[in-house]
């Protein structure tokens, strides 16, 4: 079992990431207050803390977690090759739809970050919200069987 380490909301497409300690979701819509709310497929994104820590070390502490532009940072849960699986975060359920590929905004934040995250699912995953829920930093994270 893992843990939810951080939550961010996109303020706009390509805009800043706002750190929050708690967020609510709406089934089939996404996270309330997030720029991706209402998208059909990529409603929420995840990255692993372990991967971010390795990237932080690789870039000598020059990167901040929000540069990755994910909604959730999880610890103790591997995201690699999990399309079709359901991830539980507190009482929230998310069906994983695909691998998140990094974009040029990564390199605008830190040159080389896009390439560093572009292989072996290091960029994380995205998915669709399956239920209305509220989650907070510190909630348990685990895969449903």
N, C-alpha and C. Protein backbone atom coordinates (compact mmCIF):
# COMPACT_ATOMS: atom_id res chain seq x y z
N UNK A 1 0.84 -1.18 0.00
CA UNK A 1 0.00 0.00 0.00
C UNK A 1 0.88 1.24 0.00
N UNK A 2 0.43 2.26 -0.72
CA UNK A 2 1.17 3.50 -0.82
C UNK A 2 0.47 4.65 -0.12
N UNK A 3 0.96 5.84 -0.42
CA UNK A 3 0.47 7.05 0.25
C UNK A 3 0.41 8.19 -0.76
N UNK A 4 -0.60 9.05 -0.63
CA UNK A 4 -0.70 10.26 -1.45
C UNK A 4 0.20 11.32 -0.83
N UNK A 5 1.23 11.73 -1.55
CA UNK A 5 2.25 12.66 -1.05
C UNK A 5 1.94 14.12 -1.35
N UNK A 6 1.29 14.40 -2.48
CA UNK A 6 1.03 15.79 -2.88
C UNK A 6 -0.12 15.84 -3.87
N UNK A 7 -0.78 17.01 -3.92
CA UNK A 7 -1.88 17.27 -4.85
C UNK A 7 -1.64 18.63 -5.48
N UNK A 8 -1.82 18.69 -6.81
CA UNK A 8 -1.76 19.97 -7.52
C UNK A 8 -2.94 20.08 -8.47
N UNK A 9 -3.39 21.31 -8.68
CA UNK A 9 -4.42 21.60 -9.67
C UNK A 9 -3.83 22.51 -10.73
N UNK A 10 -4.14 22.24 -11.99
CA UNK A 10 -3.72 23.12 -13.08
C UNK A 10 -4.63 24.33 -13.07
N UNK A 11 -4.04 25.52 -13.01
CA UNK A 11 -4.84 26.74 -12.99
C UNK A 11 -5.40 27.07 -14.37
N UNK A 12 -4.68 26.64 -15.42
CA UNK A 12 -5.11 26.80 -16.81
C UNK A 12 -4.25 25.87 -17.66
N UNK A 13 -4.64 25.65 -18.90
CA UNK A 13 -3.83 24.81 -19.79
C UNK A 13 -2.50 25.52 -20.04
N UNK A 14 -1.42 24.86 -19.63
CA UNK A 14 -0.10 25.46 -19.73
C UNK A 14 0.22 26.41 -18.60
N UNK A 15 -0.73 26.62 -17.70
CA UNK A 15 -0.55 27.56 -16.60
C UNK A 15 0.10 26.94 -15.38
N UNK A 16 0.18 27.70 -14.34
CA UNK A 16 0.83 27.30 -13.09
C UNK A 16 0.08 26.15 -12.42
N UNK A 17 0.81 25.42 -11.61
CA UNK A 17 0.23 24.34 -10.80
C UNK A 17 0.07 24.87 -9.37
N UNK A 18 -1.12 24.71 -8.82
CA UNK A 18 -1.40 25.18 -7.46
C UNK A 18 -1.42 23.99 -6.51
N UNK A 19 -0.59 24.05 -5.50
CA UNK A 19 -0.54 22.99 -4.49
C UNK A 19 -1.73 23.13 -3.55
N UNK A 20 -2.42 22.02 -3.30
CA UNK A 20 -3.54 22.00 -2.36
C UNK A 20 -3.39 20.78 -1.46
N UNK A 21 -4.00 20.81 -0.30
CA UNK A 21 -3.90 19.67 0.61
C UNK A 21 -5.09 18.72 0.48
N UNK A 22 -6.13 19.18 -0.21
CA UNK A 22 -7.35 18.38 -0.34
C UNK A 22 -8.04 18.78 -1.64
N UNK A 23 -8.74 17.81 -2.27
CA UNK A 23 -9.45 18.10 -3.51
C UNK A 23 -10.66 17.18 -3.61
N UNK A 24 -11.69 17.65 -4.32
CA UNK A 24 -12.88 16.84 -4.58
C UNK A 24 -12.95 16.51 -6.06
N UNK A 25 -13.59 15.38 -6.35
CA UNK A 25 -13.72 14.94 -7.74
C UNK A 25 -15.19 14.77 -8.08
N UNK A 26 -15.46 14.77 -9.39
CA UNK A 26 -16.79 14.47 -9.90
C UNK A 26 -16.66 13.35 -10.91
N UNK A 27 -17.47 12.33 -10.75
CA UNK A 27 -17.45 11.16 -11.62
C UNK A 27 -17.50 11.57 -13.09
N UNK A 28 -16.61 10.96 -13.88
CA UNK A 28 -16.52 11.16 -15.33
C UNK A 28 -16.19 12.59 -15.75
N UNK A 29 -15.78 13.44 -14.81
CA UNK A 29 -15.45 14.84 -15.13
C UNK A 29 -14.02 15.20 -14.74
N UNK A 30 -13.59 14.81 -13.52
CA UNK A 30 -12.25 15.15 -13.08
C UNK A 30 -12.24 15.80 -11.71
N UNK A 31 -11.19 16.59 -11.48
CA UNK A 31 -11.00 17.26 -10.20
C UNK A 31 -11.60 18.66 -10.26
N UNK A 32 -12.39 18.99 -9.27
CA UNK A 32 -13.00 20.32 -9.22
C UNK A 32 -11.91 21.37 -9.11
N UNK A 33 -11.98 22.38 -9.96
CA UNK A 33 -11.00 23.46 -9.95
C UNK A 33 -9.79 23.22 -10.84
N UNK A 34 -9.73 22.07 -11.52
CA UNK A 34 -8.59 21.76 -12.38
C UNK A 34 -8.92 22.11 -13.83
N UNK A 35 -7.93 22.59 -14.57
CA UNK A 35 -8.13 22.98 -15.97
C UNK A 35 -8.56 21.81 -16.85
N UNK A 36 -8.27 20.58 -16.46
CA UNK A 36 -8.67 19.41 -17.25
C UNK A 36 -10.08 18.92 -16.91
N UNK A 37 -10.79 19.60 -16.02
CA UNK A 37 -12.13 19.19 -15.64
C UNK A 37 -13.01 19.13 -16.88
N UNK A 38 -13.71 18.01 -17.05
CA UNK A 38 -14.62 17.84 -18.17
C UNK A 38 -14.02 17.11 -19.36
N UNK A 39 -12.72 16.87 -19.34
CA UNK A 39 -12.11 16.10 -20.43
C UNK A 39 -12.63 14.67 -20.38
N UNK A 40 -12.68 14.03 -21.53
CA UNK A 40 -13.25 12.68 -21.55
C UNK A 40 -12.27 11.60 -21.15
N UNK A 41 -10.98 11.78 -21.40
CA UNK A 41 -10.04 10.69 -21.20
C UNK A 41 -8.95 11.00 -20.18
N UNK A 42 -8.38 12.14 -20.25
CA UNK A 42 -7.25 12.50 -19.39
C UNK A 42 -7.71 13.50 -18.33
N UNK A 43 -8.41 12.98 -17.33
CA UNK A 43 -9.01 13.83 -16.31
C UNK A 43 -8.07 14.10 -15.15
N UNK A 44 -7.15 13.18 -14.89
CA UNK A 44 -6.24 13.30 -13.75
C UNK A 44 -4.93 12.61 -14.09
N UNK A 45 -3.81 13.14 -13.55
CA UNK A 45 -2.49 12.58 -13.83
C UNK A 45 -1.75 12.26 -12.53
N UNK A 46 -0.86 11.27 -12.62
CA UNK A 46 -0.11 10.78 -11.46
C UNK A 46 1.37 10.68 -11.79
N UNK A 47 2.21 10.85 -10.79
CA UNK A 47 3.63 10.56 -10.89
C UNK A 47 4.06 9.91 -9.58
N UNK A 48 5.10 9.08 -9.66
CA UNK A 48 5.63 8.40 -8.48
C UNK A 48 6.68 9.27 -7.79
N UNK A 49 6.60 9.37 -6.49
CA UNK A 49 7.59 10.12 -5.72
C UNK A 49 8.98 9.55 -5.92
N UNK A 50 9.09 8.25 -5.97
CA UNK A 50 10.40 7.62 -6.14
C UNK A 50 11.07 8.06 -7.44
N UNK A 51 10.30 8.19 -8.51
CA UNK A 51 10.85 8.64 -9.79
C UNK A 51 11.23 10.12 -9.68
N UNK A 52 10.35 10.92 -9.08
CA UNK A 52 10.68 12.33 -8.94
C UNK A 52 11.95 12.51 -8.11
N UNK A 53 12.10 11.75 -7.03
CA UNK A 53 13.31 11.85 -6.21
C UNK A 53 14.56 11.54 -7.02
N UNK A 54 14.48 10.54 -7.90
CA UNK A 54 15.61 10.20 -8.76
C UNK A 54 15.89 11.35 -9.74
N UNK A 55 14.85 11.97 -10.27
CA UNK A 55 15.02 13.11 -11.18
C UNK A 55 15.62 14.30 -10.43
N UNK A 56 15.17 14.52 -9.22
CA UNK A 56 15.68 15.63 -8.40
C UNK A 56 17.18 15.44 -8.17
N UNK A 57 17.58 14.21 -7.88
CA UNK A 57 19.01 13.91 -7.69
C UNK A 57 19.77 14.12 -9.01
N UNK A 58 19.19 13.63 -10.10
CA UNK A 58 19.84 13.75 -11.42
C UNK A 58 20.06 15.21 -11.80
N UNK A 59 19.11 16.08 -11.43
CA UNK A 59 19.19 17.49 -11.78
C UNK A 59 19.72 18.34 -10.61
N UNK A 60 20.40 17.70 -9.68
CA UNK A 60 21.09 18.37 -8.56
C UNK A 60 20.19 19.32 -7.78
N UNK A 61 18.95 18.89 -7.56
CA UNK A 61 18.03 19.68 -6.74
C UNK A 61 17.45 20.90 -7.43
N UNK A 62 17.58 20.99 -8.74
CA UNK A 62 17.11 22.17 -9.48
C UNK A 62 15.65 22.08 -9.90
N UNK A 63 14.99 20.95 -9.65
CA UNK A 63 13.60 20.82 -10.06
C UNK A 63 12.68 20.80 -8.84
N UNK A 64 11.49 21.27 -9.05
CA UNK A 64 10.43 21.25 -8.04
C UNK A 64 9.35 20.27 -8.52
N UNK A 65 8.66 19.60 -7.60
CA UNK A 65 7.67 18.61 -8.02
C UNK A 65 6.60 19.14 -8.97
N UNK A 66 6.16 20.37 -8.79
CA UNK A 66 5.10 20.89 -9.65
C UNK A 66 5.56 21.11 -11.10
N UNK A 67 6.87 21.09 -11.35
CA UNK A 67 7.37 21.19 -12.72
C UNK A 67 6.89 20.00 -13.56
N UNK A 68 6.62 18.89 -12.92
CA UNK A 68 6.15 17.69 -13.63
C UNK A 68 4.71 17.85 -14.10
N UNK A 69 3.97 18.75 -13.47
CA UNK A 69 2.60 19.09 -13.87
C UNK A 69 1.60 17.96 -13.69
N UNK A 70 1.83 17.09 -12.72
CA UNK A 70 0.88 16.02 -12.40
C UNK A 70 -0.08 16.52 -11.32
N UNK A 71 -1.25 15.89 -11.25
CA UNK A 71 -2.21 16.22 -10.19
C UNK A 71 -1.85 15.56 -8.87
N UNK A 72 -1.39 14.31 -8.93
CA UNK A 72 -1.11 13.56 -7.71
C UNK A 72 0.30 12.99 -7.74
N UNK A 73 0.99 13.09 -6.61
CA UNK A 73 2.25 12.39 -6.43
C UNK A 73 2.00 11.29 -5.41
N UNK A 74 2.27 10.04 -5.83
CA UNK A 74 2.07 8.89 -4.95
C UNK A 74 3.40 8.26 -4.59
N UNK A 75 3.43 7.63 -3.44
CA UNK A 75 4.64 6.95 -2.97
C UNK A 75 4.28 5.51 -2.65
N UNK A 76 5.16 4.57 -3.04
CA UNK A 76 4.96 3.17 -2.70
C UNK A 76 4.03 2.41 -3.62
N UNK A 77 3.69 3.00 -4.77
CA UNK A 77 2.81 2.36 -5.75
C UNK A 77 3.44 2.54 -7.13
N UNK A 78 3.74 1.44 -7.80
CA UNK A 78 4.34 1.52 -9.13
C UNK A 78 3.26 1.75 -10.17
N UNK A 79 3.49 2.72 -11.06
CA UNK A 79 2.51 3.09 -12.08
C UNK A 79 2.81 2.51 -13.46
N UNK A 80 3.98 1.98 -13.65
CA UNK A 80 4.43 1.48 -14.95
C UNK A 80 3.52 0.36 -15.47
N UNK A 81 3.10 0.50 -16.74
CA UNK A 81 2.31 -0.51 -17.45
C UNK A 81 1.05 -0.93 -16.68
N UNK A 82 0.24 0.06 -16.31
CA UNK A 82 -0.97 -0.21 -15.51
C UNK A 82 -2.27 0.18 -16.22
N UNK A 83 -2.24 0.36 -17.53
CA UNK A 83 -3.44 0.73 -18.27
C UNK A 83 -4.54 -0.29 -18.02
N UNK A 84 -5.74 0.21 -17.71
CA UNK A 84 -6.90 -0.64 -17.45
C UNK A 84 -7.11 -0.97 -15.98
N UNK A 85 -6.10 -0.74 -15.16
CA UNK A 85 -6.22 -1.03 -13.72
C UNK A 85 -6.91 0.13 -13.01
N UNK A 86 -7.43 -0.16 -11.82
CA UNK A 86 -8.12 0.86 -11.02
C UNK A 86 -7.29 1.16 -9.78
N UNK A 87 -6.96 2.45 -9.64
CA UNK A 87 -6.19 2.92 -8.51
C UNK A 87 -7.13 3.57 -7.50
N UNK A 88 -6.96 3.20 -6.26
CA UNK A 88 -7.77 3.74 -5.16
C UNK A 88 -6.92 4.73 -4.37
N UNK A 89 -7.42 5.95 -4.21
CA UNK A 89 -6.75 6.99 -3.41
C UNK A 89 -7.78 7.42 -2.38
N UNK A 90 -7.59 7.01 -1.11
CA UNK A 90 -8.65 7.23 -0.13
C UNK A 90 -9.91 6.56 -0.64
N UNK A 91 -11.00 7.34 -0.79
CA UNK A 91 -12.24 6.75 -1.33
C UNK A 91 -12.44 7.04 -2.82
N UNK A 92 -11.45 7.66 -3.46
CA UNK A 92 -11.49 7.96 -4.89
C UNK A 92 -11.02 6.75 -5.69
N UNK A 93 -11.69 6.48 -6.80
CA UNK A 93 -11.30 5.40 -7.71
C UNK A 93 -11.02 6.01 -9.09
N UNK A 94 -9.86 5.63 -9.66
CA UNK A 94 -9.44 6.16 -10.97
C UNK A 94 -9.05 4.99 -11.87
N UNK A 95 -9.63 4.93 -13.06
CA UNK A 95 -9.24 3.92 -14.04
C UNK A 95 -8.11 4.51 -14.89
N UNK A 96 -6.98 3.82 -14.90
CA UNK A 96 -5.81 4.29 -15.63
C UNK A 96 -6.02 4.07 -17.13
N UNK A 97 -5.86 5.15 -17.90
CA UNK A 97 -6.12 5.12 -19.34
C UNK A 97 -4.86 5.11 -20.19
N UNK A 98 -3.73 5.59 -19.64
CA UNK A 98 -2.53 5.63 -20.45
C UNK A 98 -1.33 6.21 -19.75
N UNK A 99 -0.23 6.17 -20.47
CA UNK A 99 1.04 6.74 -20.00
C UNK A 99 1.06 8.24 -20.29
N UNK A 100 1.49 9.03 -19.34
CA UNK A 100 1.62 10.47 -19.55
C UNK A 100 2.98 10.75 -20.17
N UNK A 101 2.96 11.30 -21.36
CA UNK A 101 4.20 11.68 -22.04
C UNK A 101 4.52 13.14 -21.70
N UNK A 102 5.74 13.41 -21.30
CA UNK A 102 6.13 14.77 -20.96
C UNK A 102 6.06 15.69 -22.18
N UNK A 103 5.85 16.97 -21.95
CA UNK A 103 5.76 17.94 -23.03
C UNK A 103 6.85 18.99 -22.90
N UNK A 104 6.88 19.93 -23.84
CA UNK A 104 7.93 20.95 -23.87
C UNK A 104 7.91 21.85 -22.65
N UNK A 105 6.79 21.92 -21.93
CA UNK A 105 6.73 22.74 -20.73
C UNK A 105 7.72 22.23 -19.69
N UNK A 106 8.02 20.93 -19.71
CA UNK A 106 9.02 20.37 -18.79
C UNK A 106 10.37 21.03 -19.02
N UNK A 107 10.76 21.16 -20.30
CA UNK A 107 12.06 21.75 -20.63
C UNK A 107 12.08 23.26 -20.39
N UNK A 108 10.93 23.90 -20.49
CA UNK A 108 10.87 25.33 -20.15
C UNK A 108 11.15 25.52 -18.67
N UNK A 109 10.75 24.56 -17.86
CA UNK A 109 10.99 24.63 -16.42
C UNK A 109 12.42 24.24 -16.07
N UNK A 110 12.94 23.21 -16.76
CA UNK A 110 14.31 22.72 -16.50
C UNK A 110 14.77 21.96 -17.73
N UNK A 111 15.75 22.51 -18.42
CA UNK A 111 16.25 21.90 -19.66
C UNK A 111 16.68 20.46 -19.42
N UNK A 112 16.14 19.53 -20.23
CA UNK A 112 16.47 18.12 -20.13
C UNK A 112 15.45 17.29 -19.37
N UNK A 113 14.52 17.94 -18.67
CA UNK A 113 13.53 17.21 -17.86
C UNK A 113 12.58 16.40 -18.75
N UNK A 114 12.18 16.97 -19.88
CA UNK A 114 11.27 16.25 -20.78
C UNK A 114 11.90 14.93 -21.24
N UNK A 115 13.13 14.97 -21.69
CA UNK A 115 13.80 13.76 -22.15
C UNK A 115 14.00 12.76 -21.00
N UNK A 116 14.34 13.26 -19.83
CA UNK A 116 14.58 12.38 -18.68
C UNK A 116 13.33 11.62 -18.27
N UNK A 117 12.16 12.20 -18.48
CA UNK A 117 10.90 11.57 -18.08
C UNK A 117 10.23 10.81 -19.22
N UNK A 118 10.83 10.80 -20.40
CA UNK A 118 10.16 10.30 -21.60
C UNK A 118 10.26 8.80 -21.82
N UNK A 119 10.93 8.05 -20.96
CA UNK A 119 11.05 6.61 -21.16
C UNK A 119 10.60 5.85 -19.92
N UNK A 120 10.27 4.58 -20.12
CA UNK A 120 9.94 3.66 -19.03
C UNK A 120 8.85 4.17 -18.09
N UNK A 121 7.88 4.90 -18.63
CA UNK A 121 6.72 5.37 -17.87
C UNK A 121 7.10 6.35 -16.75
N UNK A 122 8.28 6.98 -16.84
CA UNK A 122 8.71 7.91 -15.81
C UNK A 122 7.83 9.15 -15.74
N UNK A 123 7.14 9.45 -16.83
CA UNK A 123 6.24 10.61 -16.84
C UNK A 123 4.94 10.36 -16.11
N UNK A 124 4.71 9.11 -15.68
CA UNK A 124 3.51 8.78 -14.93
C UNK A 124 2.38 8.28 -15.80
N UNK A 125 1.16 8.38 -15.26
CA UNK A 125 -0.02 7.88 -15.95
C UNK A 125 -1.17 8.89 -15.82
N UNK A 126 -2.17 8.70 -16.68
CA UNK A 126 -3.39 9.50 -16.59
C UNK A 126 -4.59 8.58 -16.55
N UNK A 127 -5.71 9.11 -16.07
CA UNK A 127 -6.89 8.28 -15.99
C UNK A 127 -8.18 9.06 -15.86
N UNK A 128 -9.26 8.30 -15.69
CA UNK A 128 -10.62 8.84 -15.58
C UNK A 128 -11.17 8.59 -14.18
N UNK A 129 -11.87 9.57 -13.68
CA UNK A 129 -12.48 9.53 -12.35
C UNK A 129 -13.74 8.65 -12.40
N UNK A 130 -13.81 7.66 -11.51
CA UNK A 130 -14.94 6.73 -11.49
C UNK A 130 -16.01 7.07 -10.47
N UNK A 131 -15.73 8.01 -9.55
CA UNK A 131 -16.73 8.32 -8.52
C UNK A 131 -16.50 9.72 -7.95
N UNK A 132 -17.58 10.27 -7.36
CA UNK A 132 -17.45 11.52 -6.61
C UNK A 132 -16.73 11.19 -5.31
N UNK A 133 -15.74 11.98 -4.96
CA UNK A 133 -14.97 11.71 -3.74
C UNK A 133 -14.19 12.95 -3.33
N UNK A 134 -13.65 12.90 -2.14
CA UNK A 134 -12.70 13.89 -1.66
C UNK A 134 -11.48 13.15 -1.18
N UNK A 135 -10.30 13.68 -1.52
CA UNK A 135 -9.05 13.07 -1.08
C UNK A 135 -8.16 14.15 -0.48
N UNK A 136 -7.24 13.70 0.38
CA UNK A 136 -6.32 14.64 1.00
C UNK A 136 -4.93 14.03 1.05
N UNK A 137 -3.93 14.88 1.13
CA UNK A 137 -2.56 14.42 1.26
C UNK A 137 -2.48 13.50 2.49
N UNK A 138 -1.81 12.37 2.33
CA UNK A 138 -1.70 11.38 3.40
C UNK A 138 -2.63 10.20 3.25
N UNK A 139 -3.62 10.30 2.33
CA UNK A 139 -4.54 9.18 2.10
C UNK A 139 -3.78 7.96 1.57
N UNK A 140 -4.31 6.79 1.87
CA UNK A 140 -3.76 5.53 1.36
C UNK A 140 -4.00 5.43 -0.14
N UNK A 141 -3.05 4.81 -0.83
CA UNK A 141 -3.13 4.57 -2.27
C UNK A 141 -2.83 3.09 -2.51
N UNK A 142 -3.69 2.43 -3.32
CA UNK A 142 -3.47 1.03 -3.60
C UNK A 142 -4.23 0.63 -4.86
N UNK A 143 -3.81 -0.47 -5.46
CA UNK A 143 -4.50 -1.00 -6.63
C UNK A 143 -5.66 -1.89 -6.18
N UNK A 144 -6.79 -1.76 -6.86
CA UNK A 144 -7.91 -2.66 -6.61
C UNK A 144 -7.65 -3.94 -7.39
N UNK A 145 -8.07 -5.04 -6.86
CA UNK A 145 -7.87 -6.32 -7.54
C UNK A 145 -8.87 -6.49 -8.67
